Amino acid sequence: MDSTKRASIRPGLRVQIVLKQDQASGKLTEGIVQNILTNSSTHPHGIKVRLVNGQVGRVKVILE
């Protein structure tokens, strides 16, 4: 599945995201998608999501 396509992401999916403050280091944070924040169908840097714990970032890896 492609993390740059909105159709690949859905609430409840386990993903790894990069948070805004971690973009330089590339550190990934794992969590469950609560909702999708990107409105366009694709985004070159990954679809922006909110995790159930409230963290917001761009999806880099889809785990499920």
PDB file of N, CA and C in Angstrom:
ATOM      1  N   MET A   1       0.841  -1.191   0.000  1.00  0.00           N
ATOM      2  CA  MET A   1       0.000   0.000   0.000  1.00  0.00           C
ATOM      3  C   MET A   1       0.881   1.247   0.000  1.00  0.00           C
ATOM      4  N   ASP A   2       0.387   2.278  -0.616  1.00  0.00           N
ATOM      5  CA  ASP A   2       1.162   3.496  -0.836  1.00  0.00           C
ATOM      6  C   ASP A   2       0.759   4.573   0.173  1.00  0.00           C
ATOM      7  N   SER A   3       1.707   5.017   0.995  1.00  0.00           N
ATOM      8  CA  SER A   3       1.414   6.013   2.031  1.00  0.00           C
ATOM      9  C   SER A   3       1.200   7.419   1.468  1.00  0.00           C
ATOM     10  N   THR A   4       1.441   7.612   0.165  1.00  0.00           N
ATOM     11  CA  THR A   4       1.202   8.927  -0.440  1.00  0.00           C
ATOM     12  C   THR A   4      -0.198   9.032  -1.041  1.00  0.00           C
ATOM     13  N   LYS A   5      -0.970   7.946  -1.011  1.00  0.00           N
ATOM     14  CA  LYS A   5      -2.333   7.938  -1.565  1.00  0.00           C
ATOM     15  C   LYS A   5      -3.358   7.868  -0.436  1.00  0.00           C
ATOM     16  N   ARG A   6      -4.304   8.810  -0.440  1.00  0.00           N
ATOM     17  CA  ARG A   6      -5.329   8.893   0.602  1.00  0.00           C
ATOM     18  C   ARG A   6      -6.186   7.618   0.644  1.00  0.00           C
ATOM     19  N   ALA A   7      -6.423   6.994  -0.510  1.00  0.00           N
ATOM     20  CA  ALA A   7      -7.259   5.794  -0.584  1.00  0.00           C
ATOM     21  C   ALA A   7      -6.650   4.616   0.191  1.00  0.00           C
ATOM     22  N   SER A   8      -5.340   4.639   0.446  1.00  0.00           N
ATOM     23  CA  SER A   8      -4.671   3.556   1.172  1.00  0.00           C
ATOM     24  C   SER A   8      -4.822   3.670   2.689  1.00  0.00           C
ATOM     25  N   ILE A   9      -5.247   4.845   3.155  1.00  0.00           N
ATOM     26  CA  ILE A   9      -5.307   5.121   4.588  1.00  0.00           C
ATOM     27  C   ILE A   9      -6.764   5.114   5.042  1.00  0.00           C
ATOM     28  N   ARG A  10      -7.022   4.512   6.214  1.00  0.00           N
ATOM     29  CA  ARG A  10      -8.370   4.549   6.777  1.00  0.00           C
ATOM     30  C   ARG A  10      -8.260   4.519   8.305  1.00  0.00           C
ATOM     31  N   PRO A  11      -9.258   5.062   8.997  1.00  0.00           N
ATOM     32  CA  PRO A  11      -9.240   5.018  10.464  1.00  0.00           C
ATOM     33  C   PRO A  11      -9.147   3.583  10.969  1.00  0.00           C
ATOM     34  N   GLY A  12      -8.379   3.388  12.039  1.00  0.00           N
ATOM     35  CA  GLY A  12      -8.182   2.068  12.609  1.00  0.00           C
ATOM     36  C   GLY A  12      -6.943   1.361  12.097  1.00  0.00           C
ATOM     37  N   LEU A  13      -6.307   1.909  11.075  1.00  0.00           N
ATOM     38  CA  LEU A  13      -5.112   1.305  10.484  1.00  0.00           C
ATOM     39  C   LEU A  13      -3.903   1.599  11.369  1.00  0.00           C
ATOM     40  N   ARG A  14      -3.020   0.604  11.533  1.00  0.00           N
ATOM     41  CA  ARG A  14      -1.777   0.798  12.292  1.00  0.00           C
ATOM     42  C   ARG A  14      -0.707   1.305  11.325  1.00  0.00           C
ATOM     43  N   VAL A  15      -0.098   2.443  11.664  1.00  0.00           N
ATOM     44  CA  VAL A  15       0.858   3.099  10.771  1.00  0.00           C
ATOM     45  C   VAL A  15       2.047   3.631  11.559  1.00  0.00           C
ATOM     46  N   GLN A  16       3.073   4.023  10.818  1.00  0.00           N
ATOM     47  CA  GLN A  16       4.186   4.771  11.387  1.00  0.00           C
ATOM     48  C   GLN A  16       4.183   6.127  10.706  1.00  0.00           C
ATOM     49  N   ILE A  17       4.238   7.185  11.530  1.00  0.00           N
ATOM     50  CA  ILE A  17       4.221   8.551  10.999  1.00  0.00           C
ATOM     51  C   ILE A  17       5.501   9.272  11.406  1.00  0.00           C
ATOM     52  N   VAL A  18       5.781  10.367  10.695  1.00  0.00           N
ATOM     53  CA  VAL A  18       6.861  11.256  11.112  1.00  0.00           C
ATOM     54  C   VAL A  18       6.186  12.536  11.608  1.00  0.00           C
ATOM     55  N   LEU A  19       6.486  12.893  12.849  1.00  0.00           N
ATOM     56  CA  LEU A  19       5.936  14.110  13.447  1.00  0.00           C
ATOM     57  C   LEU A  19       6.689  15.322  12.913  1.00  0.00           C
ATOM     58  N   LYS A  20       6.065  16.499  12.979  1.00  0.00           N
ATOM     59  CA  LYS A  20       6.675  17.726  12.458  1.00  0.00           C
ATOM     60  C   LYS A  20       8.072  17.945  13.056  1.00  0.00           C
ATOM     61  N   GLN A  21       8.192  17.780  14.377  1.00  0.00           N
ATOM     62  CA  GLN A  21       9.482  18.034  15.036  1.00  0.00           C
ATOM     63  C   GLN A  21      10.521  16.960  14.717  1.00  0.00           C
ATOM     64  N   ASP A  22      10.087  15.816  14.157  1.00  0.00           N
ATOM     65  CA  ASP A  22      11.012  14.728  13.829  1.00  0.00           C
ATOM     66  C   ASP A  22      11.350  14.657  12.339  1.00  0.00           C
ATOM     67  N   GLN A  23      10.883  15.624  11.545  1.00  0.00           N
ATOM     68  CA  GLN A  23      11.114  15.564  10.099  1.00  0.00           C
ATOM     69  C   GLN A  23      12.594  15.582   9.749  1.00  0.00           C
ATOM     70  N   ALA A  24      13.384  16.357  10.484  1.00  0.00           N
ATOM     71  CA  ALA A  24      14.821  16.447  10.188  1.00  0.00           C
ATOM     72  C   ALA A  24      15.527  15.120  10.479  1.00  0.00           C
ATOM     73  N   SER A  25      15.171  14.472  11.588  1.00  0.00           N
ATOM     74  CA  SER A  25      15.833  13.221  11.977  1.00  0.00           C
ATOM     75  C   SER A  25      15.210  12.006  11.285  1.00  0.00           C
ATOM     76  N   GLY A  26      13.935  12.119  10.883  1.00  0.00           N
ATOM     77  CA  GLY A  26      13.251  11.002  10.251  1.00  0.00           C
ATOM     78  C   GLY A  26      12.729   9.966  11.228  1.00  0.00           C
ATOM     79  N   LYS A  27      12.731  10.307  12.534  1.00  0.00           N
ATOM     80  CA  LYS A  27      12.243   9.382  13.571  1.00  0.00           C
ATOM     81  C   LYS A  27      10.758   9.091  13.352  1.00  0.00           C
ATOM     82  N   LEU A  28      10.397   7.800  13.402  1.00  0.00           N
ATOM     83  CA  LEU A  28       9.009   7.391  13.165  1.00  0.00           C
ATOM     84  C   LEU A  28       8.293   7.106  14.484  1.00  0.00           C
ATOM     85  N   THR A  29       6.996   7.399  14.496  1.00  0.00           N
ATOM     86  CA  THR A  29       6.138   7.153  15.650  1.00  0.00           C
ATOM     87  C   THR A  29       5.011   6.233  15.211  1.00  0.00           C
ATOM     88  N   GLU A  30       4.796   5.157  15.961  1.00  0.00           N
ATOM     89  CA  GLU A  30       3.771   4.180  15.592  1.00  0.00           C
ATOM     90  C   GLU A  30       2.467   4.473  16.321  1.00  0.00           C
ATOM     91  N   GLY A  31       1.351   4.220  15.634  1.00  0.00           N
ATOM     92  CA  GLY A  31       0.057   4.409  16.265  1.00  0.00           C
ATOM     93  C   GLY A  31      -1.082   3.995  15.353  1.00  0.00           C
ATOM     94  N   ILE A  32      -2.309   4.207  15.852  1.00  0.00           N
ATOM     95  CA  ILE A  32      -3.530   3.865  15.130  1.00  0.00           C
ATOM     96  C   ILE A  32      -4.158   5.142  14.596  1.00  0.00           C
ATOM     97  N   VAL A  33      -4.547   5.149  13.325  1.00  0.00           N
ATOM     98  CA  VAL A  33      -5.157   6.324  12.698  1.00  0.00           C
ATOM     99  C   VAL A  33      -6.538   6.586  13.298  1.00  0.00           C
ATOM    100  N   GLN A  34      -6.743   7.834  13.761  1.00  0.00           N
ATOM    101  CA  GLN A  34      -8.066   8.250  14.227  1.00  0.00           C
ATOM    102  C   GLN A  34      -8.830   8.898  13.080  1.00  0.00           C
ATOM    103  N   ASN A  35      -8.178   9.884  12.420  1.00  0.00           N
ATOM    104  CA  ASN A  35      -8.799  10.473  11.237  1.00  0.00           C
ATOM    105  C   ASN A  35      -7.740  11.012  10.283  1.00  0.00           C
ATOM    106  N   ILE A  36      -8.168  11.224   9.034  1.00  0.00           N
ATOM    107  CA  ILE A  36      -7.289  11.682   7.960  1.00  0.00           C
ATOM    108  C   ILE A  36      -7.439  13.193   7.832  1.00  0.00           C
ATOM    109  N   LEU A  37      -6.316  13.910   7.820  1.00  0.00           N
ATOM    110  CA  LEU A  37      -6.351  15.371   7.762  1.00  0.00           C
ATOM    111  C   LEU A  37      -6.074  15.920   6.365  1.00  0.00           C
ATOM    112  N   THR A  38      -5.438  15.148   5.505  1.00  0.00           N
ATOM    113  CA  THR A  38      -5.159  15.583   4.131  1.00  0.00           C
ATOM    114  C   THR A  38      -6.427  15.433   3.290  1.00  0.00           C
ATOM    115  N   ASN A  39      -6.817  16.508   2.602  1.00  0.00           N
ATOM    116  CA  ASN A  39      -8.024  16.469   1.773  1.00  0.00           C
ATOM    117  C   ASN A  39      -7.763  15.982   0.350  1.00  0.00           C
ATOM    118  N   SER A  40      -6.559  16.232  -0.165  1.00  0.00           N
ATOM    119  CA  SER A  40      -6.269  15.829  -1.546  1.00  0.00           C
ATOM    120  C   SER A  40      -6.081  14.311  -1.624  1.00  0.00           C
ATOM    121  N   SER A  41      -6.230  13.753  -2.819  1.00  0.00           N
ATOM    122  CA  SER A  41      -6.149  12.293  -2.989  1.00  0.00           C
ATOM    123  C   SER A  41      -4.722  11.764  -2.852  1.00  0.00           C
ATOM    124  N   THR A  42      -3.720  12.615  -3.090  1.00  0.00           N
ATOM    125  CA  THR A  42      -2.316  12.208  -2.917  1.00  0.00           C
ATOM    126  C   THR A  42      -1.527  13.355  -2.302  1.00  0.00           C
ATOM    127  N   HIS A  43      -0.385  13.014  -1.716  1.00  0.00           N
ATOM    128  CA  HIS A  43       0.558  14.025  -1.222  1.00  0.00           C
ATOM    129  C   HIS A  43       1.950  13.421  -1.297  1.00  0.00           C
ATOM    130  N   PRO A  44       2.905  14.129  -1.903  1.00  0.00           N
ATOM    131  CA  PRO A  44       4.239  13.548  -2.130  1.00  0.00           C
ATOM    132  C   PRO A  44       4.995  13.186  -0.848  1.00  0.00           C
ATOM    133  N   HIS A  45       4.690  13.833   0.276  1.00  0.00           N
ATOM    134  CA  HIS A  45       5.406  13.560   1.531  1.00  0.00           C
ATOM    135  C   HIS A  45       4.633  12.640   2.462  1.00  0.00           C
ATOM    136  N   GLY A  46       3.479  12.138   2.013  1.00  0.00           N
ATOM    137  CA  GLY A  46       2.672  11.257   2.842  1.00  0.00           C
ATOM    138  C   GLY A  46       1.388  11.953   3.283  1.00  0.00           C
ATOM    139  N   ILE A  47       0.378  11.152   3.550  1.00  0.00           N
ATOM    140  CA  ILE A  47      -0.925  11.667   3.955  1.00  0.00           C
ATOM    141  C   ILE A  47      -0.871  12.049   5.438  1.00  0.00           C
ATOM    142  N   LYS A  48      -1.355  13.246   5.771  1.00  0.00           N
ATOM    143  CA  LYS A  48      -1.343  13.709   7.155  1.00  0.00           C
ATOM    144  C   LYS A  48      -2.531  13.114   7.906  1.00  0.00           C
ATOM    145  N   VAL A  49      -2.236  12.546   9.078  1.00  0.00           N
ATOM    146  CA  VAL A  49      -3.273  11.906   9.888  1.00  0.00           C
ATOM    147  C   VAL A  49      -3.137  12.320  11.349  1.00  0.00           C
ATOM    148  N   ARG A  50      -4.227  12.102  12.106  1.00  0.00           N
ATOM    149  CA  ARG A  50      -4.206  12.241  13.563  1.00  0.00           C
ATOM    150  C   ARG A  50      -4.326  10.833  14.143  1.00  0.00           C
ATOM    151  N   LEU A  51      -3.426  10.498  15.064  1.00  0.00           N
ATOM    152  CA  LEU A  51      -3.480   9.200  15.720  1.00  0.00           C
ATOM    153  C   LEU A  51      -4.458   9.268  16.891  1.00  0.00           C
ATOM    154  N   VAL A  52      -4.868   8.099  17.400  1.00  0.00           N
ATOM    155  CA  VAL A  52      -5.820   8.059  18.512  1.00  0.00           C
ATOM    156  C   VAL A  52      -5.262   8.741  19.766  1.00  0.00           C
ATOM    157  N   ASN A  53      -3.934   8.833  19.897  1.00  0.00           N
ATOM    158  CA  ASN A  53      -3.330   9.508  21.050  1.00  0.00           C
ATOM    159  C   ASN A  53      -3.196  11.022  20.832  1.00  0.00           C
ATOM    160  N   GLY A  54      -3.690  11.523  19.684  1.00  0.00           N
ATOM    161  CA  GLY A  54      -3.692  12.961  19.420  1.00  0.00           C
ATOM    162  C   GLY A  54      -2.510  13.469  18.619  1.00  0.00           C
ATOM    163  N   GLN A  55      -1.500  12.640  18.392  1.00  0.00           N
ATOM    164  CA  GLN A  55      -0.334  13.088  17.627  1.00  0.00           C
ATOM    165  C   GLN A  55      -0.696  13.213  16.151  1.00  0.00           C
ATOM    166  N   VAL A  56      -0.093  14.232  15.496  1.00  0.00           N
ATOM    167  CA  VAL A  56      -0.364  14.498  14.085  1.00  0.00           C
ATOM    168  C   VAL A  56       0.941  14.402  13.303  1.00  0.00           C
ATOM    169  N   GLY A  57       0.885  13.700  12.163  1.00  0.00           N
ATOM    170  CA  GLY A  57       2.067  13.594  11.322  1.00  0.00           C
ATOM    171  C   GLY A  57       1.712  12.974   9.980  1.00  0.00           C
ATOM    172  N   ARG A  58       2.731  12.814   9.150  1.00  0.00           N
ATOM    173  CA  ARG A  58       2.543  12.245   7.813  1.00  0.00           C
ATOM    174  C   ARG A  58       2.906  10.764   7.817  1.00  0.00           C
ATOM    175  N   VAL A  59       2.039   9.951   7.203  1.00  0.00           N
ATOM    176  CA  VAL A  59       2.244   8.502   7.163  1.00  0.00           C
ATOM    177  C   VAL A  59       3.443   8.171   6.286  1.00  0.00           C
ATOM    178  N   LYS A  60       4.355   7.385   6.850  1.00  0.00           N
ATOM    179  CA  LYS A  60       5.526   6.918   6.107  1.00  0.00           C
ATOM    180  C   LYS A  60       5.452   5.410   5.850  1.00  0.00           C
ATOM    181  N   VAL A  61       4.864   4.654   6.805  1.00  0.00           N
ATOM    182  CA  VAL A  61       4.792   3.197   6.689  1.00  0.00           C
ATOM    183  C   VAL A  61       3.395   2.747   7.115  1.00  0.00           C
ATOM    184  N   ILE A  62       2.769   1.894   6.294  1.00  0.00           N
ATOM    185  CA  ILE A  62       1.490   1.285   6.653  1.00  0.00           C
ATOM    186  C   ILE A  62       1.800  -0.129   7.151  1.00  0.00           C
ATOM    187  N   LEU A  63       1.416  -0.435   8.387  1.00  0.00           N
ATOM    188  CA  LEU A  63       1.781  -1.715   8.996  1.00  0.00           C
ATOM    189  C   LEU A  63       0.733  -2.794   8.807  1.00  0.00           C
ATOM    190  N   GLU A  64      -0.530  -2.434   8.570  1.00  0.00           N
ATOM    191  CA  GLU A  64      -1.582  -3.437   8.409  1.00  0.00           C
ATOM    192  C   GLU A  64      -2.224  -3.319   7.051  1.00  0.00           C
TER     193      GLU A  64
END
